[in-house]
Amino acid sequence: MLTSSAPEPTCPDWLLTKARRAQPVATAIVNAVNDVALQSARDATDAGIITPVLVGEGDAMKRAADSIGWDIATFEVIEANGEQAAAEAGAKAAGGGAVGALMKGHLHTDIFMRAALSRDAGLRIGKPLTHHFHLTLGDQPSGLIITDAALNPAPDATIKQASITNADALSKATGIARPKVALLSATEVPTDKVPSSVEARDLAAWARDHVNDADVDGPLAFDLAVSPQAVAIKGVTSPVAGAADIIVVPEIVSGNALYKAMVQYLGACAAGVVLGAKVPILLTSRADPPAARLASAALAGLMTP
């Protein structure tokens, strides 16, 4: 069995520096009733990225805060009893402009996202929502964005177009002036036997007319997207090949496996954010290491107007 011996992920200092602003982003922490949710909020607060707005049952949040030694008396609290009520209250706060970002706390993702997607919340702005992982290794000065590996199971062309434009904006926010976007498949030659290769070809054609200040190409196998050596050996000519900043995956299984392999075997720090709503949405998890949750808050800070 091949075992993982990856180093502990670290949130890069450059990402935190870029995310800091004169006024930290007011961020609703939805159902912040356990120590993991509150520790995530505390880390981002101490880093100067967010001002937390704590959503949930007040006594439970106070007990959890006491358990980690954090005084939350000065922070705004939105009282809500239970996952559903907290999800709805947080989404409405974001939709109404009271906060600039929305962070998942101690509740199920489907409940959290259902509330965020509700028309009553006011978060929808007529665009598809897409999820983006920004992966970094140590304090290297750049990262790799993978989309969509967590939200849309089988995205159609319209959702993938939104993924490309959202990832392009995210990459620019991290400092990449002209991002290179690779449309992933198992081959660089379009063939009907590999439907994702044909879809990638069509998306690349669409991007030439609709995506400015970015290079989009595909289909490209993963090695051709990131390895200059593979590009040289295979003689592929492309402005993206061997230098991709963004990988657009065919569907959620390949994307999920790809980002988790980078986390488990390379120790990548995976910051995740949902874009396409009125505010950035953070789908943090109990399984995420502290560095990933902090980096996710930083990523959302970059995308807050």
C-alpha atoms as a PDB file:
ATOM      1  CA  MET A   1       0.000   0.000   0.000  1.00  0.00           C
ATOM      2  CA  LEU A   2       1.223   3.488  -0.864  1.00  0.00           C
ATOM      3  CA  THR A   3       0.974   5.519   2.328  1.00  0.00           C
ATOM      4  CA  SER A   4       0.861   9.268   2.731  1.00  0.00           C
ATOM      5  CA  SER A   5       3.761  11.000   4.452  1.00  0.00           C
ATOM      6  CA  ALA A   6       2.921  14.549   3.474  1.00  0.00           C
ATOM      7  CA  PRO A   7       3.989  17.491   5.639  1.00  0.00           C
ATOM      8  CA  GLU A   8       1.362  19.437   7.583  1.00  0.00           C
ATOM      9  CA  PRO A   9      -0.224  22.077   5.304  1.00  0.00           C
ATOM     10  CA  THR A  10       0.664  25.702   5.961  1.00  0.00           C
ATOM     11  CA  CYS A  11      -1.196  28.830   4.932  1.00  0.00           C
ATOM     12  CA  PRO A  12       1.231  30.947   2.889  1.00  0.00           C
ATOM     13  CA  ASP A  13       2.123  34.333   4.318  1.00  0.00           C
ATOM     14  CA  TRP A  14       1.719  36.037   0.943  1.00  0.00           C
ATOM     15  CA  LEU A  15      -1.929  34.966   0.761  1.00  0.00           C
ATOM     16  CA  LEU A  16      -2.642  36.374   4.220  1.00  0.00           C
ATOM     17  CA  THR A  17      -0.860  39.604   3.338  1.00  0.00           C
ATOM     18  CA  LYS A  18      -2.913  40.035   0.167  1.00  0.00           C
ATOM     19  CA  ALA A  19      -6.146  39.335   2.036  1.00  0.00           C
ATOM     20  CA  ARG A  20      -5.599  41.898   4.781  1.00  0.00           C
ATOM     21  CA  ARG A  21      -7.276  45.244   4.304  1.00  0.00           C
ATOM     22  CA  ALA A  22      -7.880  48.352   6.384  1.00  0.00           C
ATOM     23  CA  GLN A  23     -11.281  47.007   7.393  1.00  0.00           C
ATOM     24  CA  PRO A  24     -11.537  43.205   7.916  1.00  0.00           C
ATOM     25  CA  VAL A  25     -14.466  41.552   6.142  1.00  0.00           C
ATOM     26  CA  ALA A  26     -17.580  41.077   8.268  1.00  0.00           C
ATOM     27  CA  THR A  27     -18.159  37.329   7.982  1.00  0.00           C
ATOM     28  CA  ALA A  28     -21.149  35.328   9.204  1.00  0.00           C
ATOM     29  CA  ILE A  29     -20.017  32.097  10.896  1.00  0.00           C
ATOM     30  CA  VAL A  30     -23.118  29.936  10.504  1.00  0.00           C
ATOM     31  CA  ASN A  31     -24.013  27.753  13.502  1.00  0.00           C
ATOM     32  CA  ALA A  32     -20.790  28.561  15.320  1.00  0.00           C
ATOM     33  CA  VAL A  33     -21.637  26.219  18.190  1.00  0.00           C
ATOM     34  CA  ASN A  34     -18.540  24.010  18.372  1.00  0.00           C
ATOM     35  CA  ASP A  35     -14.843  24.537  18.923  1.00  0.00           C
ATOM     36  CA  VAL A  36     -13.811  23.808  15.307  1.00  0.00           C
ATOM     37  CA  ALA A  37     -16.102  26.490  13.853  1.00  0.00           C
ATOM     38  CA  LEU A  38     -15.061  29.011  16.455  1.00  0.00           C
ATOM     39  CA  GLN A  39     -11.355  28.213  16.160  1.00  0.00           C
ATOM     40  CA  SER A  40     -11.624  28.839  12.407  1.00  0.00           C
ATOM     41  CA  ALA A  41     -13.242  32.199  13.121  1.00  0.00           C
ATOM     42  CA  ARG A  42     -10.668  33.007  15.777  1.00  0.00           C
ATOM     43  CA  ASP A  43      -7.690  32.230  13.522  1.00  0.00           C
ATOM     44  CA  ALA A  44      -9.059  34.444  10.730  1.00  0.00           C
ATOM     45  CA  THR A  45      -9.887  37.194  13.216  1.00  0.00           C
ATOM     46  CA  ASP A  46      -6.426  37.099  14.790  1.00  0.00           C
ATOM     47  CA  ALA A  47      -4.913  37.225  11.281  1.00  0.00           C
ATOM     48  CA  GLY A  48      -6.774  40.469  10.609  1.00  0.00           C
ATOM     49  CA  ILE A  49      -8.871  39.029   7.771  1.00  0.00           C
ATOM     50  CA  ILE A  50     -12.396  38.941   9.200  1.00  0.00           C
ATOM     51  CA  THR A  51     -14.663  40.474  11.799  1.00  0.00           C
ATOM     52  CA  PRO A  52     -16.857  37.558  12.892  1.00  0.00           C
ATOM     53  CA  VAL A  53     -20.620  37.734  13.131  1.00  0.00           C
ATOM     54  CA  LEU A  54     -21.592  34.649  15.106  1.00  0.00           C
ATOM     55  CA  VAL A  55     -24.819  32.937  14.069  1.00  0.00           C
ATOM     56  CA  GLY A  56     -26.356  30.285  16.301  1.00  0.00           C
ATOM     57  CA  GLU A  57     -27.706  29.556  19.757  1.00  0.00           C
ATOM     58  CA  GLY A  58     -26.031  32.056  22.055  1.00  0.00           C
ATOM     59  CA  ASP A  59     -25.388  29.865  25.101  1.00  0.00           C
ATOM     60  CA  ALA A  60     -23.942  27.062  22.968  1.00  0.00           C
ATOM     61  CA  MET A  61     -21.604  29.476  21.218  1.00  0.00           C
ATOM     62  CA  LYS A  62     -20.506  30.927  24.565  1.00  0.00           C
ATOM     63  CA  ARG A  63     -19.726  27.440  25.934  1.00  0.00           C
ATOM     64  CA  ALA A  64     -17.755  26.499  22.836  1.00  0.00           C
ATOM     65  CA  ALA A  65     -15.849  29.781  22.937  1.00  0.00           C
ATOM     66  CA  ASP A  66     -15.002  29.247  26.601  1.00  0.00           C
ATOM     67  CA  SER A  67     -13.673  25.779  25.769  1.00  0.00           C
ATOM     68  CA  ILE A  68     -11.035  27.300  23.457  1.00  0.00           C
ATOM     69  CA  GLY A  69     -10.388  30.309  25.680  1.00  0.00           C
ATOM     70  CA  TRP A  70     -11.822  32.932  23.326  1.00  0.00           C
ATOM     71  CA  ASP A  71     -13.733  35.938  24.599  1.00  0.00           C
ATOM     72  CA  ILE A  72     -16.546  36.605  22.100  1.00  0.00           C
ATOM     73  CA  ALA A  73     -18.386  39.210  24.181  1.00  0.00           C
ATOM     74  CA  THR A  74     -17.547  42.070  21.807  1.00  0.00           C
ATOM     75  CA  PHE A  75     -18.703  40.342  18.620  1.00  0.00           C
ATOM     76  CA  GLU A  76     -22.130  40.619  17.032  1.00  0.00           C
ATOM     77  CA  VAL A  77     -24.377  37.609  17.609  1.00  0.00           C
ATOM     78  CA  ILE A  78     -27.375  36.596  15.506  1.00  0.00           C
ATOM     79  CA  GLU A  79     -29.484  34.303  17.644  1.00  0.00           C
ATOM     80  CA  ALA A  80     -30.707  31.184  15.823  1.00  0.00           C
ATOM     81  CA  ASN A  81     -31.610  27.807  17.295  1.00  0.00           C
ATOM     82  CA  GLY A  82     -30.621  24.807  15.187  1.00  0.00           C
ATOM     83  CA  GLU A  83     -28.947  24.179  11.837  1.00  0.00           C
ATOM     84  CA  GLN A  84     -31.852  25.238   9.624  1.00  0.00           C
ATOM     85  CA  ALA A  85     -32.539  28.471  11.487  1.00  0.00           C
ATOM     86  CA  ALA A  86     -28.841  29.357  11.580  1.00  0.00           C
ATOM     87  CA  ALA A  87     -28.411  28.655   7.864  1.00  0.00           C
ATOM     88  CA  GLU A  88     -31.356  30.849   6.973  1.00  0.00           C
ATOM     89  CA  ALA A  89     -30.272  33.662   9.305  1.00  0.00           C
ATOM     90  CA  GLY A  90     -26.713  33.662   7.981  1.00  0.00           C
ATOM     91  CA  ALA A  91     -27.829  33.606   4.356  1.00  0.00           C
ATOM     92  CA  LYS A  92     -30.242  36.493   4.917  1.00  0.00           C
ATOM     93  CA  ALA A  93     -27.533  38.517   6.655  1.00  0.00           C
ATOM     94  CA  ALA A  94     -25.280  38.031   3.633  1.00  0.00           C
ATOM     95  CA  GLY A  95     -28.038  38.652   1.115  1.00  0.00           C
ATOM     96  CA  GLY A  96     -29.096  41.807   2.928  1.00  0.00           C
ATOM     97  CA  GLY A  97     -25.601  43.268   2.976  1.00  0.00           C
ATOM     98  CA  ALA A  98     -24.994  42.940   6.715  1.00  0.00           C
ATOM     99  CA  VAL A  99     -21.909  40.769   6.089  1.00  0.00           C
ATOM    100  CA  GLY A 100     -19.461  40.468   3.234  1.00  0.00           C
ATOM    101  CA  ALA A 101     -18.787  36.715   3.402  1.00  0.00           C
ATOM    102  CA  LEU A 102     -20.534  33.563   4.580  1.00  0.00           C
ATOM    103  CA  MET A 103     -18.695  30.727   6.372  1.00  0.00           C
ATOM    104  CA  LYS A 104     -20.087  27.262   7.092  1.00  0.00           C
ATOM    105  CA  GLY A 105     -19.815  26.294  10.747  1.00  0.00           C
ATOM    106  CA  HIS A 106     -21.184  23.220  12.519  1.00  0.00           C
ATOM    107  CA  LEU A 107     -23.949  22.094  10.151  1.00  0.00           C
ATOM    108  CA  HIS A 108     -24.552  19.871   7.156  1.00  0.00           C
ATOM    109  CA  THR A 109     -23.427  21.253   3.800  1.00  0.00           C
ATOM    110  CA  ASP A 110     -26.777  20.559   2.099  1.00  0.00           C
ATOM    111  CA  ILE A 111     -28.657  22.598   4.724  1.00  0.00           C
ATOM    112  CA  PHE A 112     -26.111  25.417   4.508  1.00  0.00           C
ATOM    113  CA  MET A 113     -26.133  25.601   0.705  1.00  0.00           C
ATOM    114  CA  ARG A 114     -29.902  25.174   0.394  1.00  0.00           C
ATOM    115  CA  ALA A 115     -30.365  28.283   2.516  1.00  0.00           C
ATOM    116  CA  ALA A 116     -27.742  30.176   0.521  1.00  0.00           C
ATOM    117  CA  LEU A 117     -29.425  29.232  -2.760  1.00  0.00           C
ATOM    118  CA  SER A 118     -32.917  30.175  -1.587  1.00  0.00           C
ATOM    119  CA  ARG A 119     -34.323  33.143  -3.452  1.00  0.00           C
ATOM    120  CA  ASP A 120     -35.572  34.501  -0.123  1.00  0.00           C
ATOM    121  CA  ALA A 121     -31.967  34.947   1.036  1.00  0.00           C
ATOM    122  CA  GLY A 122     -31.137  37.470  -1.688  1.00  0.00           C
ATOM    123  CA  LEU A 123     -27.722  35.949  -2.433  1.00  0.00           C
ATOM    124  CA  ARG A 124     -28.409  34.878  -6.013  1.00  0.00           C
ATOM    125  CA  ILE A 125     -27.330  37.353  -8.698  1.00  0.00           C
ATOM    126  CA  GLY A 126     -28.392  35.389 -11.766  1.00  0.00           C
ATOM    127  CA  LYS A 127     -25.155  33.413 -12.183  1.00  0.00           C
ATOM    128  CA  PRO A 128     -24.250  29.766 -11.560  1.00  0.00           C
ATOM    129  CA  LEU A 129     -22.396  29.098  -8.314  1.00  0.00           C
ATOM    130  CA  THR A 130     -19.046  27.355  -8.730  1.00  0.00           C
ATOM    131  CA  HIS A 131     -16.508  26.045  -6.227  1.00  0.00           C
ATOM    132  CA  HIS A 132     -12.777  26.650  -6.461  1.00  0.00           C
ATOM    133  CA  PHE A 133      -9.862  25.107  -4.576  1.00  0.00           C
ATOM    134  CA  HIS A 134      -6.689  27.193  -4.494  1.00  0.00           C
ATOM    135  CA  LEU A 135      -3.831  24.833  -3.637  1.00  0.00           C
ATOM    136  CA  THR A 136      -0.446  25.983  -2.398  1.00  0.00           C
ATOM    137  CA  LEU A 137       2.699  24.166  -1.280  1.00  0.00           C
ATOM    138  CA  GLY A 138       4.489  25.741   1.664  1.00  0.00           C
ATOM    139  CA  ASP A 139       5.145  29.421   1.006  1.00  0.00           C
ATOM    140  CA  GLN A 140       5.625  29.108  -2.748  1.00  0.00           C
ATOM    141  CA  PRO A 141       4.633  32.422  -4.371  1.00  0.00           C
ATOM    142  CA  SER A 142       1.762  31.030  -6.444  1.00  0.00           C
ATOM    143  CA  GLY A 143      -0.821  28.259  -6.456  1.00  0.00           C
ATOM    144  CA  LEU A 144      -3.004  26.023  -8.603  1.00  0.00           C
ATOM    145  CA  ILE A 145      -6.766  26.472  -8.827  1.00  0.00           C
ATOM    146  CA  ILE A 146      -8.952  23.402  -9.388  1.00  0.00           C
ATOM    147  CA  THR A 147     -12.600  23.857 -10.325  1.00  0.00           C
ATOM    148  CA  ASP A 148     -15.206  22.443  -9.675  1.00  0.00           C
ATOM    149  CA  ALA A 149     -14.270  19.703  -7.215  1.00  0.00           C
ATOM    150  CA  ALA A 150     -16.886  20.175  -4.485  1.00  0.00           C
ATOM    151  CA  LEU A 151     -20.198  21.704  -5.585  1.00  0.00           C
ATOM    152  CA  ASN A 152     -21.439  20.797  -9.077  1.00  0.00           C
ATOM    153  CA  PRO A 153     -21.339  17.008  -9.651  1.00  0.00           C
ATOM    154  CA  ALA A 154     -21.755  16.987 -13.440  1.00  0.00           C
ATOM    155  CA  PRO A 155     -21.488  20.587 -14.687  1.00  0.00           C
ATOM    156  CA  ASP A 156     -22.848  21.397 -18.123  1.00  0.00           C
ATOM    157  CA  ALA A 157     -21.200  23.831 -20.536  1.00  0.00           C
ATOM    158  CA  THR A 158     -22.898  26.859 -18.978  1.00  0.00           C
ATOM    159  CA  ILE A 159     -21.640  26.005 -15.486  1.00  0.00           C
ATOM    160  CA  LYS A 160     -18.151  25.300 -16.811  1.00  0.00           C
ATOM    161  CA  GLN A 161     -18.137  28.664 -18.553  1.00  0.00           C
ATOM    162  CA  ALA A 162     -18.972  30.246 -15.189  1.00  0.00           C
ATOM    163  CA  SER A 163     -16.202  28.177 -13.564  1.00  0.00           C
ATOM    164  CA  ILE A 164     -13.713  29.537 -16.078  1.00  0.00           C
ATOM    165  CA  THR A 165     -14.693  33.176 -15.591  1.00  0.00           C
ATOM    166  CA  ASN A 166     -14.886  32.878 -11.790  1.00  0.00           C
ATOM    167  CA  ALA A 167     -11.538  31.084 -11.595  1.00  0.00           C
ATOM    168  CA  ASP A 168     -10.017  33.703 -13.900  1.00  0.00           C
ATOM    169  CA  ALA A 169     -11.153  36.476 -11.535  1.00  0.00           C
ATOM    170  CA  LEU A 170      -9.882  34.547  -8.509  1.00  0.00           C
ATOM    171  CA  SER A 171      -6.497  33.925 -10.096  1.00  0.00           C
ATOM    172  CA  LYS A 172      -6.142  37.603 -10.964  1.00  0.00           C
ATOM    173  CA  ALA A 173      -6.995  38.490  -7.355  1.00  0.00           C
ATOM    174  CA  THR A 174      -4.087  36.317  -6.176  1.00  0.00           C
ATOM    175  CA  GLY A 175      -1.724  38.260  -8.435  1.00  0.00           C
ATOM    176  CA  ILE A 176      -1.687  36.366 -11.756  1.00  0.00           C
ATOM    177  CA  ALA A 177      -2.045  39.052 -14.452  1.00  0.00           C
ATOM    178  CA  ARG A 178      -2.880  36.653 -17.291  1.00  0.00           C
ATOM    179  CA  PRO A 179      -3.987  33.253 -15.953  1.00  0.00           C
ATOM    180  CA  LYS A 180      -3.464  30.089 -17.958  1.00  0.00           C
ATOM    181  CA  VAL A 181      -6.517  27.805 -17.891  1.00  0.00           C
ATOM    182  CA  ALA A 182      -6.217  24.106 -18.772  1.00  0.00           C
ATOM    183  CA  LEU A 183      -9.375  22.165 -19.672  1.00  0.00           C
ATOM    184  CA  LEU A 184      -8.673  18.696 -18.316  1.00  0.00           C
ATOM    185  CA  SER A 185      -9.269  15.444 -20.136  1.00  0.00           C
ATOM    186  CA  ALA A 186      -7.395  12.174 -20.628  1.00  0.00           C
ATOM    187  CA  THR A 187      -5.983  13.188 -23.995  1.00  0.00           C
ATOM    188  CA  GLU A 188      -4.887  16.263 -25.892  1.00  0.00           C
ATOM    189  CA  VAL A 189      -6.623  15.069 -29.062  1.00  0.00           C
ATOM    190  CA  PRO A 190     -10.426  15.528 -29.186  1.00  0.00           C
ATOM    191  CA  THR A 191     -12.217  12.231 -29.760  1.00  0.00           C
ATOM    192  CA  ASP A 192     -15.826  11.133 -29.431  1.00  0.00           C
ATOM    193  CA  LYS A 193     -14.619   8.163 -27.377  1.00  0.00           C
ATOM    194  CA  VAL A 194     -13.639  10.621 -24.616  1.00  0.00           C
ATOM    195  CA  PRO A 195     -16.560  13.077 -24.356  1.00  0.00           C
ATOM    196  CA  SER A 196     -14.673  15.420 -22.029  1.00  0.00           C
ATOM    197  CA  SER A 197     -12.083  15.997 -24.746  1.00  0.00           C
ATOM    198  CA  VAL A 198     -14.738  17.223 -27.184  1.00  0.00           C
ATOM    199  CA  GLU A 199     -16.317  19.415 -24.512  1.00  0.00           C
ATOM    200  CA  ALA A 200     -12.904  20.881 -23.699  1.00  0.00           C
ATOM    201  CA  ARG A 201     -12.303  21.724 -27.352  1.00  0.00           C
ATOM    202  CA  ASP A 202     -15.674  23.507 -27.529  1.00  0.00           C
ATOM    203  CA  LEU A 203     -15.057  25.392 -24.270  1.00  0.00           C
ATOM    204  CA  ALA A 204     -11.670  26.561 -25.526  1.00  0.00           C
ATOM    205  CA  ALA A 205     -13.348  27.892 -28.670  1.00  0.00           C
ATOM    206  CA  TRP A 206     -15.956  29.696 -26.546  1.00  0.00           C
ATOM    207  CA  ALA A 207     -13.261  31.215 -24.327  1.00  0.00           C
ATOM    208  CA  ARG A 208     -11.430  32.772 -27.250  1.00  0.00           C
ATOM    209  CA  ASP A 209     -14.443  35.053 -27.759  1.00  0.00           C
ATOM    210  CA  HIS A 210     -15.555  35.543 -24.154  1.00  0.00           C
ATOM    211  CA  VAL A 211     -12.552  35.478 -21.785  1.00  0.00           C
ATOM    212  CA  ASN A 212     -10.194  38.450 -21.837  1.00  0.00           C
ATOM    213  CA  ASP A 213      -6.660  38.617 -20.466  1.00  0.00           C
ATOM    214  CA  ALA A 214      -6.406  34.854 -19.971  1.00  0.00           C
ATOM    215  CA  ASP A 215      -5.236  31.888 -22.040  1.00  0.00           C
ATOM    216  CA  VAL A 216      -7.652  28.958 -22.177  1.00  0.00           C
ATOM    217  CA  ASP A 217      -6.804  25.709 -23.926  1.00  0.00           C
ATOM    218  CA  GLY A 218      -7.859  22.092 -24.021  1.00  0.00           C
ATOM    219  CA  PRO A 219      -8.220  19.259 -24.022  1.00  0.00           C
ATOM    220  CA  LEU A 220      -5.052  18.670 -22.017  1.00  0.00           C
ATOM    221  CA  ALA A 221      -4.098  15.675 -19.900  1.00  0.00           C
ATOM    222  CA  PHE A 222      -2.846  16.618 -16.446  1.00  0.00           C
ATOM    223  CA  ASP A 223       0.835  16.087 -17.211  1.00  0.00           C
ATOM    224  CA  LEU A 224       0.573  18.338 -20.256  1.00  0.00           C
ATOM    225  CA  ALA A 225      -1.155  20.986 -18.170  1.00  0.00           C
ATOM    226  CA  VAL A 226       1.578  21.277 -15.532  1.00  0.00           C
ATOM    227  CA  SER A 227       4.799  19.634 -16.753  1.00  0.00           C
ATOM    228  CA  PRO A 228       7.099  21.462 -19.206  1.00  0.00           C
ATOM    229  CA  GLN A 229       9.053  18.206 -19.582  1.00  0.00           C
ATOM    230  CA  ALA A 230       5.963  16.300 -20.752  1.00  0.00           C
ATOM    231  CA  VAL A 231       5.163  19.115 -23.169  1.00  0.00           C
ATOM    232  CA  ALA A 232       8.666  18.995 -24.643  1.00  0.00           C
ATOM    233  CA  ILE A 233       8.621  15.213 -25.005  1.00  0.00           C
ATOM    234  CA  LYS A 234       5.216  15.159 -26.694  1.00  0.00           C
ATOM    235  CA  GLY A 235       5.852  18.257 -28.804  1.00  0.00           C
ATOM    236  CA  VAL A 236       2.616  19.978 -27.812  1.00  0.00           C
ATOM    237  CA  THR A 237       2.248  23.642 -28.771  1.00  0.00           C
ATOM    238  CA  SER A 238      -0.053  25.638 -26.522  1.00  0.00           C
ATOM    239  CA  PRO A 239       0.078  28.881 -24.489  1.00  0.00           C
ATOM    240  CA  VAL A 240      -1.217  26.912 -21.495  1.00  0.00           C
ATOM    241  CA  ALA A 241       0.592  23.563 -21.689  1.00  0.00           C
ATOM    242  CA  GLY A 242       3.135  23.051 -18.926  1.00  0.00           C
ATOM    243  CA  ALA A 243       2.236  26.263 -17.112  1.00  0.00           C
ATOM    244  CA  ALA A 244      -1.421  26.057 -16.023  1.00  0.00           C
ATOM    245  CA  ASP A 245      -2.627  28.286 -13.187  1.00  0.00           C
ATOM    246  CA  ILE A 246      -6.157  26.843 -13.340  1.00  0.00           C
ATOM    247  CA  ILE A 247      -7.422  23.309 -14.017  1.00  0.00           C
ATOM    248  CA  VAL A 248     -11.072  22.949 -15.066  1.00  0.00           C
ATOM    249  CA  VAL A 249     -12.036  19.327 -14.418  1.00  0.00           C
ATOM    250  CA  PRO A 250     -14.673  17.356 -16.371  1.00  0.00           C
ATOM    251  CA  GLU A 251     -16.750  16.411 -13.308  1.00  0.00           C
ATOM    252  CA  ILE A 252     -16.617  16.325  -9.534  1.00  0.00           C
ATOM    253  CA  VAL A 253     -15.061  12.854  -9.079  1.00  0.00           C
ATOM    254  CA  SER A 254     -11.877  13.614 -11.020  1.00  0.00           C
ATOM    255  CA  GLY A 255     -11.577  17.049  -9.410  1.00  0.00           C
ATOM    256  CA  ASN A 256     -12.190  15.748  -5.913  1.00  0.00           C
ATOM    257  CA  ALA A 257      -9.621  12.975  -6.364  1.00  0.00           C
ATOM    258  CA  LEU A 258      -7.065  15.374  -7.832  1.00  0.00           C
ATOM    259  CA  TYR A 259      -7.203  17.952  -5.052  1.00  0.00           C
ATOM    260  CA  LYS A 260      -7.271  15.302  -2.303  1.00  0.00           C
ATOM    261  CA  ALA A 261      -4.244  13.547  -3.814  1.00  0.00           C
ATOM    262  CA  MET A 262      -2.361  16.850  -3.665  1.00  0.00           C
ATOM    263  CA  VAL A 263      -3.392  17.309  -0.036  1.00  0.00           C
ATOM    264  CA  GLN A 264      -2.671  13.742   1.082  1.00  0.00           C
ATOM    265  CA  TYR A 265       0.586  13.126  -0.782  1.00  0.00           C
ATOM    266  CA  LEU A 266       2.077  16.611  -1.191  1.00  0.00           C
ATOM    267  CA  GLY A 267       0.763  18.407   1.889  1.00  0.00           C
ATOM    268  CA  ALA A 268      -0.981  21.054  -0.208  1.00  0.00           C
ATOM    269  CA  CYS A 269      -3.014  23.694   1.592  1.00  0.00           C
ATOM    270  CA  ALA A 270      -6.461  23.621  -0.050  1.00  0.00           C
ATOM    271  CA  ALA A 271      -8.339  26.900   0.325  1.00  0.00           C
ATOM    272  CA  GLY A 272     -11.902  26.611  -0.954  1.00  0.00           C
ATOM    273  CA  VAL A 273     -14.462  29.238  -1.925  1.00  0.00           C
ATOM    274  CA  VAL A 274     -17.802  29.305  -3.758  1.00  0.00           C
ATOM    275  CA  LEU A 275     -18.171  32.192  -6.197  1.00  0.00           C
ATOM    276  CA  GLY A 276     -21.092  33.490  -8.234  1.00  0.00           C
ATOM    277  CA  ALA A 277     -23.254  34.700  -5.349  1.00  0.00           C
ATOM    278  CA  LYS A 278     -23.520  38.192  -3.853  1.00  0.00           C
ATOM    279  CA  VAL A 279     -20.728  37.332  -1.400  1.00  0.00           C
ATOM    280  CA  PRO A 280     -18.046  34.613  -1.269  1.00  0.00           C
ATOM    281  CA  ILE A 281     -19.181  31.416   0.474  1.00  0.00           C
ATOM    282  CA  LEU A 282     -16.781  29.232   2.493  1.00  0.00           C
ATOM    283  CA  LEU A 283     -17.513  25.509   2.737  1.00  0.00           C
ATOM    284  CA  THR A 284     -15.126  24.704   5.559  1.00  0.00           C
ATOM    285  CA  SER A 285     -15.145  21.210   7.062  1.00  0.00           C
ATOM    286  CA  ARG A 286     -14.210  19.536  10.332  1.00  0.00           C
ATOM    287  CA  ALA A 287     -11.771  17.440   8.301  1.00  0.00           C
ATOM    288  CA  ASP A 288      -9.932  20.530   7.010  1.00  0.00           C
ATOM    289  CA  PRO A 289      -6.699  21.352   8.835  1.00  0.00           C
ATOM    290  CA  PRO A 290      -6.517  24.801  10.469  1.00  0.00           C
ATOM    291  CA  ALA A 291      -4.262  26.118   7.685  1.00  0.00           C
ATOM    292  CA  ALA A 292      -6.846  25.289   5.029  1.00  0.00           C
ATOM    293  CA  ARG A 293      -9.658  26.972   6.938  1.00  0.00           C
ATOM    294  CA  LEU A 294      -7.525  30.090   7.440  1.00  0.00           C
ATOM    295  CA  ALA A 295      -6.490  30.131   3.779  1.00  0.00           C
ATOM    296  CA  SER A 296     -10.144  29.795   2.762  1.00  0.00           C
ATOM    297  CA  ALA A 297     -11.004  32.923   4.756  1.00  0.00           C
ATOM    298  CA  ALA A 298      -8.104  34.707   3.088  1.00  0.00           C
ATOM    299  CA  LEU A 299      -9.323  33.633  -0.340  1.00  0.00           C
ATOM    300  CA  ALA A 300     -12.792  34.966   0.393  1.00  0.00           C
ATOM    301  CA  GLY A 301     -11.228  38.225   1.519  1.00  0.00           C
ATOM    302  CA  LEU A 302      -9.578  38.619  -1.874  1.00  0.00           C
ATOM    303  CA  MET A 303     -12.958  38.262  -3.581  1.00  0.00           C
ATOM    304  CA  THR A 304     -14.935  40.626  -1.354  1.00  0.00           C
ATOM    305  CA  PRO A 305     -15.643  43.993  -3.023  1.00  0.00           C
END
